[in-house]
N, C-alpha and C. Protein backbone atom coordinates (compact mmCIF):
# COMPACT_ATOMS: atom_id res chain seq x y z
N MET A 1 -203.65 40.44 -40.83
CA MET A 1 -203.84 39.51 -41.93
C MET A 1 -202.82 38.38 -41.78
N PRO A 2 -203.24 37.15 -41.96
CA PRO A 2 -202.32 36.01 -41.82
C PRO A 2 -201.25 36.03 -42.91
N THR A 3 -200.20 35.25 -42.70
CA THR A 3 -199.17 35.12 -43.71
C THR A 3 -199.79 34.54 -44.97
N LEU A 4 -199.50 35.18 -46.09
CA LEU A 4 -200.10 34.77 -47.35
C LEU A 4 -199.11 34.02 -48.23
N THR A 5 -199.55 32.93 -48.80
CA THR A 5 -198.74 32.22 -49.78
C THR A 5 -198.92 32.91 -51.14
N ASN A 6 -198.06 32.57 -52.07
CA ASN A 6 -198.21 33.12 -53.42
C ASN A 6 -199.56 32.76 -54.02
N ASP A 7 -200.01 31.54 -53.78
CA ASP A 7 -201.32 31.12 -54.30
C ASP A 7 -202.45 31.93 -53.68
N MET A 8 -202.35 32.20 -52.39
CA MET A 8 -203.38 33.01 -51.73
C MET A 8 -203.39 34.43 -52.29
N MET A 9 -202.21 35.00 -52.50
CA MET A 9 -202.13 36.35 -53.05
C MET A 9 -202.72 36.39 -54.47
N ARG A 10 -202.36 35.40 -55.26
CA ARG A 10 -202.88 35.32 -56.62
C ARG A 10 -204.40 35.21 -56.61
N SER A 11 -204.94 34.43 -55.69
CA SER A 11 -206.38 34.25 -55.59
C SER A 11 -207.09 35.56 -55.22
N ILE A 12 -206.53 36.32 -54.29
CA ILE A 12 -207.11 37.62 -53.92
C ILE A 12 -207.08 38.57 -55.11
N ILE A 13 -205.97 38.61 -55.81
CA ILE A 13 -205.85 39.48 -56.99
C ILE A 13 -206.89 39.08 -58.03
N MET A 14 -207.01 37.79 -58.30
CA MET A 14 -207.97 37.34 -59.33
C MET A 14 -209.42 37.58 -58.91
N ASP A 15 -209.72 37.45 -57.63
CA ASP A 15 -211.08 37.75 -57.15
C ASP A 15 -211.45 39.21 -57.40
N HIS A 16 -210.51 40.11 -57.11
CA HIS A 16 -210.78 41.54 -57.31
C HIS A 16 -210.78 41.91 -58.79
N TYR A 17 -210.10 41.13 -59.62
CA TYR A 17 -210.13 41.38 -61.06
C TYR A 17 -211.41 40.85 -61.70
N SER A 18 -211.79 39.64 -61.35
CA SER A 18 -212.95 39.02 -62.00
C SER A 18 -214.28 39.57 -61.49
N ASP A 19 -214.30 40.10 -60.27
CA ASP A 19 -215.55 40.64 -59.72
C ASP A 19 -215.26 41.89 -58.88
N PRO A 20 -214.79 42.96 -59.55
CA PRO A 20 -214.47 44.18 -58.80
C PRO A 20 -215.73 44.87 -58.29
N GLN A 21 -215.85 44.96 -56.98
CA GLN A 21 -217.05 45.53 -56.36
C GLN A 21 -217.13 47.05 -56.53
N ASN A 22 -216.02 47.68 -56.80
CA ASN A 22 -215.98 49.15 -56.87
C ASN A 22 -215.88 49.68 -58.30
N LYS A 23 -216.03 48.82 -59.29
CA LYS A 23 -215.93 49.25 -60.68
C LYS A 23 -217.32 49.62 -61.19
N HIS A 24 -217.58 50.92 -61.18
CA HIS A 24 -218.85 51.46 -61.67
C HIS A 24 -218.75 52.98 -61.68
N GLN A 25 -219.67 53.60 -62.36
CA GLN A 25 -219.76 55.05 -62.34
C GLN A 25 -220.29 55.50 -60.97
N PRO A 26 -219.95 56.70 -60.55
CA PRO A 26 -220.48 57.19 -59.27
C PRO A 26 -222.01 57.22 -59.30
N PRO A 27 -222.63 56.87 -58.18
CA PRO A 27 -224.09 56.82 -58.13
C PRO A 27 -224.77 58.17 -58.04
N LYS A 28 -223.98 59.24 -57.80
CA LYS A 28 -224.58 60.57 -57.68
C LYS A 28 -223.53 61.62 -58.02
N GLU A 29 -223.94 62.87 -58.05
CA GLU A 29 -223.03 63.99 -58.31
C GLU A 29 -222.12 64.24 -57.11
N GLY A 30 -221.05 65.00 -57.32
CA GLY A 30 -220.21 65.44 -56.23
C GLY A 30 -218.87 64.73 -56.12
N TYR A 31 -218.65 63.70 -56.91
CA TYR A 31 -217.38 62.98 -56.87
C TYR A 31 -216.31 63.77 -57.62
N GLU A 32 -215.09 63.71 -57.13
CA GLU A 32 -213.96 64.27 -57.86
C GLU A 32 -213.37 63.14 -58.70
N LYS A 33 -212.96 63.47 -59.91
CA LYS A 33 -212.48 62.45 -60.84
C LYS A 33 -211.10 62.81 -61.36
N VAL A 34 -210.28 61.79 -61.48
CA VAL A 34 -208.99 61.91 -62.17
C VAL A 34 -208.92 60.78 -63.18
N HIS A 35 -208.57 61.13 -64.42
CA HIS A 35 -208.40 60.13 -65.48
C HIS A 35 -206.94 59.73 -65.55
N MET A 36 -206.69 58.44 -65.63
CA MET A 36 -205.32 57.92 -65.73
C MET A 36 -205.25 56.91 -66.88
N HIS A 37 -204.12 56.92 -67.57
CA HIS A 37 -203.90 55.90 -68.59
C HIS A 37 -202.41 55.55 -68.64
N SER A 38 -202.13 54.44 -69.23
CA SER A 38 -200.76 53.97 -69.34
C SER A 38 -200.42 53.76 -70.81
N ASP A 39 -199.25 54.21 -71.20
CA ASP A 39 -198.80 53.99 -72.58
C ASP A 39 -198.28 52.57 -72.79
N ASN A 40 -197.98 51.87 -71.69
CA ASN A 40 -197.39 50.54 -71.78
C ASN A 40 -198.37 49.40 -71.53
N CYS A 41 -199.61 49.72 -71.24
CA CYS A 41 -200.59 48.70 -70.88
C CYS A 41 -201.96 49.19 -71.37
N ILE A 42 -202.99 48.38 -71.20
CA ILE A 42 -204.34 48.77 -71.63
C ILE A 42 -205.03 49.69 -70.64
N ASP A 43 -204.37 50.01 -69.56
CA ASP A 43 -204.98 50.77 -68.48
C ASP A 43 -205.47 52.14 -68.94
N ASP A 44 -206.76 52.37 -68.76
CA ASP A 44 -207.41 53.62 -69.10
C ASP A 44 -208.58 53.78 -68.13
N LEU A 45 -208.31 54.42 -66.99
CA LEU A 45 -209.26 54.43 -65.88
C LEU A 45 -209.64 55.84 -65.44
N ASP A 46 -210.87 55.96 -64.98
CA ASP A 46 -211.33 57.13 -64.25
C ASP A 46 -211.47 56.71 -62.80
N ILE A 47 -210.86 57.46 -61.89
CA ILE A 47 -210.93 57.20 -60.46
C ILE A 47 -211.81 58.29 -59.86
N PHE A 48 -212.76 57.89 -59.03
CA PHE A 48 -213.70 58.81 -58.42
C PHE A 48 -213.63 58.72 -56.89
N LEU A 49 -213.49 59.86 -56.23
CA LEU A 49 -213.57 59.91 -54.78
C LEU A 49 -214.63 60.92 -54.38
N LEU A 50 -215.43 60.57 -53.39
CA LEU A 50 -216.38 61.49 -52.80
C LEU A 50 -215.84 61.86 -51.43
N VAL A 51 -215.48 63.12 -51.28
CA VAL A 51 -214.93 63.62 -50.03
C VAL A 51 -215.95 64.57 -49.43
N GLU A 52 -216.40 64.25 -48.23
CA GLU A 52 -217.37 65.08 -47.53
C GLU A 52 -216.77 65.47 -46.20
N GLY A 53 -216.53 66.77 -46.05
CA GLY A 53 -215.83 67.23 -44.86
C GLY A 53 -214.41 66.71 -44.89
N ASN A 54 -214.05 65.97 -43.89
CA ASN A 54 -212.70 65.41 -43.78
C ASN A 54 -212.68 63.90 -44.05
N ILE A 55 -213.78 63.38 -44.60
CA ILE A 55 -213.92 61.93 -44.78
C ILE A 55 -214.05 61.57 -46.26
N ILE A 56 -213.33 60.51 -46.65
CA ILE A 56 -213.51 59.93 -47.98
C ILE A 56 -214.71 58.99 -47.84
N THR A 57 -215.87 59.46 -48.23
CA THR A 57 -217.09 58.69 -47.98
C THR A 57 -217.33 57.61 -49.03
N ASP A 58 -216.74 57.77 -50.22
CA ASP A 58 -216.89 56.73 -51.24
C ASP A 58 -215.73 56.80 -52.21
N ALA A 59 -215.47 55.67 -52.86
CA ALA A 59 -214.43 55.56 -53.87
C ALA A 59 -214.87 54.51 -54.88
N CYS A 60 -214.71 54.83 -56.15
CA CYS A 60 -215.02 53.87 -57.21
C CYS A 60 -214.19 54.21 -58.44
N PHE A 61 -214.26 53.36 -59.44
CA PHE A 61 -213.50 53.57 -60.66
C PHE A 61 -214.24 52.94 -61.83
N ASP A 62 -213.87 53.35 -63.03
CA ASP A 62 -214.46 52.77 -64.22
C ASP A 62 -213.44 52.86 -65.35
N GLY A 63 -213.60 51.99 -66.33
CA GLY A 63 -212.71 51.98 -67.48
C GLY A 63 -212.18 50.60 -67.76
N THR A 64 -211.12 50.56 -68.55
CA THR A 64 -210.50 49.30 -68.96
C THR A 64 -209.11 49.23 -68.34
N ALA A 65 -208.78 48.06 -67.81
CA ALA A 65 -207.47 47.91 -67.18
C ALA A 65 -207.08 46.44 -67.10
N CYS A 66 -205.79 46.22 -66.95
CA CYS A 66 -205.26 44.87 -66.80
C CYS A 66 -205.61 44.30 -65.42
N THR A 67 -205.25 43.08 -65.20
CA THR A 67 -205.54 42.40 -63.95
C THR A 67 -204.97 43.13 -62.74
N ILE A 68 -203.72 43.52 -62.83
CA ILE A 68 -203.06 44.18 -61.70
C ILE A 68 -203.71 45.53 -61.40
N SER A 69 -203.94 46.34 -62.43
CA SER A 69 -204.56 47.66 -62.21
C SER A 69 -205.96 47.55 -61.66
N THR A 70 -206.75 46.66 -62.23
CA THR A 70 -208.14 46.51 -61.78
C THR A 70 -208.19 46.06 -60.33
N SER A 71 -207.45 45.01 -60.00
CA SER A 71 -207.52 44.48 -58.64
C SER A 71 -206.91 45.44 -57.63
N SER A 72 -205.82 46.08 -57.97
CA SER A 72 -205.19 47.04 -57.06
C SER A 72 -206.11 48.23 -56.79
N THR A 73 -206.74 48.74 -57.83
CA THR A 73 -207.64 49.89 -57.68
C THR A 73 -208.88 49.50 -56.91
N ASP A 74 -209.39 48.29 -57.13
CA ASP A 74 -210.56 47.83 -56.39
C ASP A 74 -210.26 47.73 -54.90
N ILE A 75 -209.12 47.17 -54.56
CA ILE A 75 -208.70 47.06 -53.16
C ILE A 75 -208.49 48.45 -52.56
N MET A 76 -207.87 49.35 -53.33
CA MET A 76 -207.65 50.71 -52.85
C MET A 76 -208.97 51.38 -52.48
N CYS A 77 -209.98 51.22 -53.32
CA CYS A 77 -211.29 51.83 -53.03
C CYS A 77 -211.83 51.33 -51.70
N ASP A 78 -211.72 50.03 -51.47
CA ASP A 78 -212.17 49.46 -50.19
C ASP A 78 -211.42 50.07 -49.02
N LEU A 79 -210.11 50.23 -49.19
CA LEU A 79 -209.28 50.74 -48.09
C LEU A 79 -209.53 52.21 -47.78
N LEU A 80 -209.81 53.01 -48.80
CA LEU A 80 -209.97 54.45 -48.58
C LEU A 80 -211.36 54.83 -48.08
N ARG A 81 -212.35 54.05 -48.44
CA ARG A 81 -213.73 54.38 -48.07
C ARG A 81 -213.89 54.48 -46.55
N GLY A 82 -214.45 55.61 -46.12
CA GLY A 82 -214.71 55.82 -44.70
C GLY A 82 -213.54 56.37 -43.91
N LYS A 83 -212.41 56.59 -44.56
CA LYS A 83 -211.22 57.07 -43.86
C LYS A 83 -211.16 58.60 -43.88
N GLU A 84 -210.54 59.16 -42.83
CA GLU A 84 -210.22 60.58 -42.85
C GLU A 84 -209.16 60.81 -43.91
N ILE A 85 -209.12 62.02 -44.44
CA ILE A 85 -208.17 62.33 -45.51
C ILE A 85 -206.74 62.02 -45.10
N THR A 86 -206.34 62.40 -43.89
CA THR A 86 -204.95 62.15 -43.46
C THR A 86 -204.66 60.65 -43.40
N GLU A 87 -205.63 59.86 -42.95
CA GLU A 87 -205.44 58.42 -42.91
C GLU A 87 -205.36 57.84 -44.32
N GLY A 88 -206.19 58.36 -45.22
CA GLY A 88 -206.14 57.94 -46.62
C GLY A 88 -204.78 58.20 -47.24
N ARG A 89 -204.23 59.37 -46.95
CA ARG A 89 -202.89 59.70 -47.46
C ARG A 89 -201.84 58.74 -46.90
N LYS A 90 -201.96 58.38 -45.63
CA LYS A 90 -201.01 57.44 -45.02
C LYS A 90 -201.08 56.08 -45.69
N ILE A 91 -202.28 55.63 -46.02
CA ILE A 91 -202.46 54.35 -46.70
C ILE A 91 -201.81 54.41 -48.08
N ILE A 92 -202.07 55.49 -48.80
CA ILE A 92 -201.48 55.66 -50.14
C ILE A 92 -199.96 55.70 -50.05
N ASP A 93 -199.42 56.44 -49.09
CA ASP A 93 -197.96 56.51 -48.91
C ASP A 93 -197.38 55.13 -48.60
N ALA A 94 -198.04 54.39 -47.73
CA ALA A 94 -197.55 53.04 -47.39
C ALA A 94 -197.52 52.16 -48.63
N PHE A 95 -198.55 52.25 -49.48
CA PHE A 95 -198.57 51.45 -50.70
C PHE A 95 -197.40 51.83 -51.61
N HIS A 96 -197.17 53.12 -51.80
CA HIS A 96 -196.05 53.56 -52.64
C HIS A 96 -194.71 53.12 -52.07
N HIS A 97 -194.56 53.20 -50.75
CA HIS A 97 -193.31 52.73 -50.14
C HIS A 97 -193.12 51.23 -50.40
N MET A 98 -194.20 50.46 -50.27
CA MET A 98 -194.11 49.03 -50.54
C MET A 98 -193.69 48.78 -51.99
N MET A 99 -194.27 49.53 -52.91
CA MET A 99 -193.95 49.35 -54.34
C MET A 99 -192.49 49.62 -54.65
N HIS A 100 -191.87 50.48 -53.84
CA HIS A 100 -190.47 50.84 -54.08
C HIS A 100 -189.52 50.21 -53.07
N GLU A 101 -190.01 49.13 -52.44
CA GLU A 101 -189.22 48.35 -51.50
C GLU A 101 -188.62 49.20 -50.38
N GLU A 102 -189.40 50.18 -49.93
CA GLU A 102 -189.01 51.01 -48.80
C GLU A 102 -189.79 50.56 -47.57
N GLU A 103 -189.37 51.02 -46.41
CA GLU A 103 -190.06 50.66 -45.17
C GLU A 103 -191.50 51.18 -45.21
N PHE A 104 -192.45 50.33 -44.77
CA PHE A 104 -193.86 50.73 -44.78
C PHE A 104 -194.60 50.01 -43.66
N ASP A 105 -195.77 50.54 -43.33
CA ASP A 105 -196.62 49.96 -42.29
C ASP A 105 -197.59 48.99 -42.95
N ALA A 106 -197.32 47.70 -42.86
CA ALA A 106 -198.13 46.67 -43.51
C ALA A 106 -199.56 46.65 -42.98
N GLU A 107 -199.75 47.01 -41.72
CA GLU A 107 -201.10 46.99 -41.15
C GLU A 107 -202.04 47.96 -41.84
N LEU A 108 -201.51 49.04 -42.40
CA LEU A 108 -202.34 50.00 -43.11
C LEU A 108 -202.88 49.44 -44.42
N LEU A 109 -202.21 48.46 -44.97
CA LEU A 109 -202.51 48.00 -46.33
C LEU A 109 -203.52 46.86 -46.43
N ASP A 110 -203.73 46.14 -45.35
CA ASP A 110 -204.69 45.04 -45.37
C ASP A 110 -204.49 44.19 -46.63
N GLU A 111 -205.51 43.99 -47.44
CA GLU A 111 -205.41 43.14 -48.64
C GLU A 111 -204.42 43.66 -49.68
N ALA A 112 -204.15 44.95 -49.68
CA ALA A 112 -203.22 45.51 -50.67
C ALA A 112 -201.81 44.92 -50.52
N ILE A 113 -201.55 44.26 -49.41
CA ILE A 113 -200.25 43.62 -49.20
C ILE A 113 -199.99 42.54 -50.25
N VAL A 114 -201.02 42.08 -50.94
CA VAL A 114 -200.83 41.05 -51.97
C VAL A 114 -199.97 41.54 -53.13
N PHE A 115 -199.76 42.85 -53.21
CA PHE A 115 -198.92 43.40 -54.29
C PHE A 115 -197.47 43.60 -53.87
N ILE A 116 -197.08 43.01 -52.75
CA ILE A 116 -195.74 43.20 -52.21
C ILE A 116 -194.64 42.73 -53.18
N ASN A 117 -194.91 41.76 -54.00
CA ASN A 117 -193.89 41.25 -54.93
C ASN A 117 -193.90 41.97 -56.28
N THR A 118 -194.80 42.90 -56.46
CA THR A 118 -194.91 43.62 -57.74
C THR A 118 -193.63 44.37 -58.07
N SER A 119 -192.93 44.84 -57.06
CA SER A 119 -191.70 45.60 -57.30
C SER A 119 -190.64 44.78 -58.02
N LYS A 120 -190.76 43.48 -57.98
CA LYS A 120 -189.80 42.61 -58.67
C LYS A 120 -190.04 42.60 -60.18
N GLN A 121 -191.19 43.13 -60.60
CA GLN A 121 -191.51 43.26 -62.02
C GLN A 121 -191.74 44.74 -62.30
N ALA A 122 -190.67 45.47 -62.56
CA ALA A 122 -190.72 46.92 -62.65
C ALA A 122 -191.82 47.43 -63.59
N ALA A 123 -192.06 46.73 -64.67
CA ALA A 123 -193.08 47.17 -65.63
C ALA A 123 -194.48 47.13 -65.02
N ARG A 124 -194.68 46.33 -63.99
CA ARG A 124 -196.02 46.19 -63.38
C ARG A 124 -196.28 47.21 -62.27
N ILE A 125 -195.24 47.92 -61.84
CA ILE A 125 -195.42 48.92 -60.78
C ILE A 125 -196.41 49.98 -61.24
N ARG A 126 -196.30 50.44 -62.47
CA ARG A 126 -197.24 51.45 -63.00
C ARG A 126 -198.66 50.90 -62.96
N CYS A 127 -198.84 49.65 -63.31
CA CYS A 127 -200.17 49.04 -63.28
C CYS A 127 -200.73 49.03 -61.86
N ALA A 128 -199.91 48.63 -60.91
CA ALA A 128 -200.36 48.51 -59.53
C ALA A 128 -200.66 49.86 -58.90
N THR A 129 -199.98 50.92 -59.35
CA THR A 129 -200.11 52.22 -58.69
C THR A 129 -201.01 53.21 -59.43
N ILE A 130 -201.52 52.87 -60.58
CA ILE A 130 -202.25 53.86 -61.38
C ILE A 130 -203.46 54.44 -60.63
N GLY A 131 -204.24 53.61 -59.99
CA GLY A 131 -205.39 54.10 -59.23
C GLY A 131 -204.96 54.87 -57.99
N TRP A 132 -203.91 54.39 -57.34
CA TRP A 132 -203.38 55.04 -56.14
C TRP A 132 -202.85 56.43 -56.46
N ASN A 133 -202.20 56.56 -57.63
CA ASN A 133 -201.69 57.87 -58.05
C ASN A 133 -202.85 58.85 -58.27
N ALA A 134 -203.94 58.37 -58.83
CA ALA A 134 -205.11 59.22 -59.06
C ALA A 134 -205.72 59.66 -57.73
N ALA A 135 -205.86 58.74 -56.81
CA ALA A 135 -206.42 59.08 -55.49
C ALA A 135 -205.52 60.08 -54.78
N GLU A 136 -204.23 59.88 -54.88
CA GLU A 136 -203.27 60.81 -54.27
C GLU A 136 -203.44 62.22 -54.86
N GLU A 137 -203.63 62.29 -56.16
CA GLU A 137 -203.83 63.59 -56.83
C GLU A 137 -205.11 64.27 -56.33
N ILE A 138 -206.17 63.50 -56.18
CA ILE A 138 -207.43 64.06 -55.68
C ILE A 138 -207.27 64.60 -54.26
N LEU A 139 -206.53 63.89 -53.44
CA LEU A 139 -206.41 64.25 -52.03
C LEU A 139 -205.30 65.27 -51.73
N LYS A 140 -204.45 65.57 -52.70
CA LYS A 140 -203.26 66.38 -52.41
C LYS A 140 -203.56 67.77 -51.88
N ASP A 141 -204.63 68.40 -52.31
CA ASP A 141 -204.93 69.76 -51.87
C ASP A 141 -205.99 69.82 -50.78
N LYS A 142 -206.27 68.71 -50.16
CA LYS A 142 -207.33 68.66 -49.14
C LYS A 142 -206.74 68.68 -47.75
C-alpha cells in the first residue's frame, strides 16, 4: 500500500463508514456470533464469522456503531475473509499491536493501516478494536 496522507486515511475510513459492504445479517445458517458493546460510545455490534474447516469463508457484522467502529469492522471483515484461521489470528494480532504502538507487520493489515494514529486518542482504541476483539473471541478455540 502506498504512503497514505491523513486526508487519504480519513477518506478510506469515511468510505467504509458511509457504505460498509460487510454490514448485514449473515445470508445463511452456520455463522458464529459474538455481541459487543461499548459503555463509552454508541457501539452495539454483532460480529459474525463463518468458519469452514480451517478457512474463514465469510465475515460480516450488524448493529449500530460510530464511524471508527463501523469502518474498522468493515475493513476487518474484508481482511479475514478467505484466510486460514492461523493467518486470521496473525492479522488480528498485528492490528492489536498497532493499536498499542507495538511492533507489527504492516503488510498484514492492508487498509486497516489507516487506524495507525488511533492510539493517539486512547478513548478511540476501544472503538477501533471492538470488531477485532469479537473476531478474536470467535477464533480463539479453533
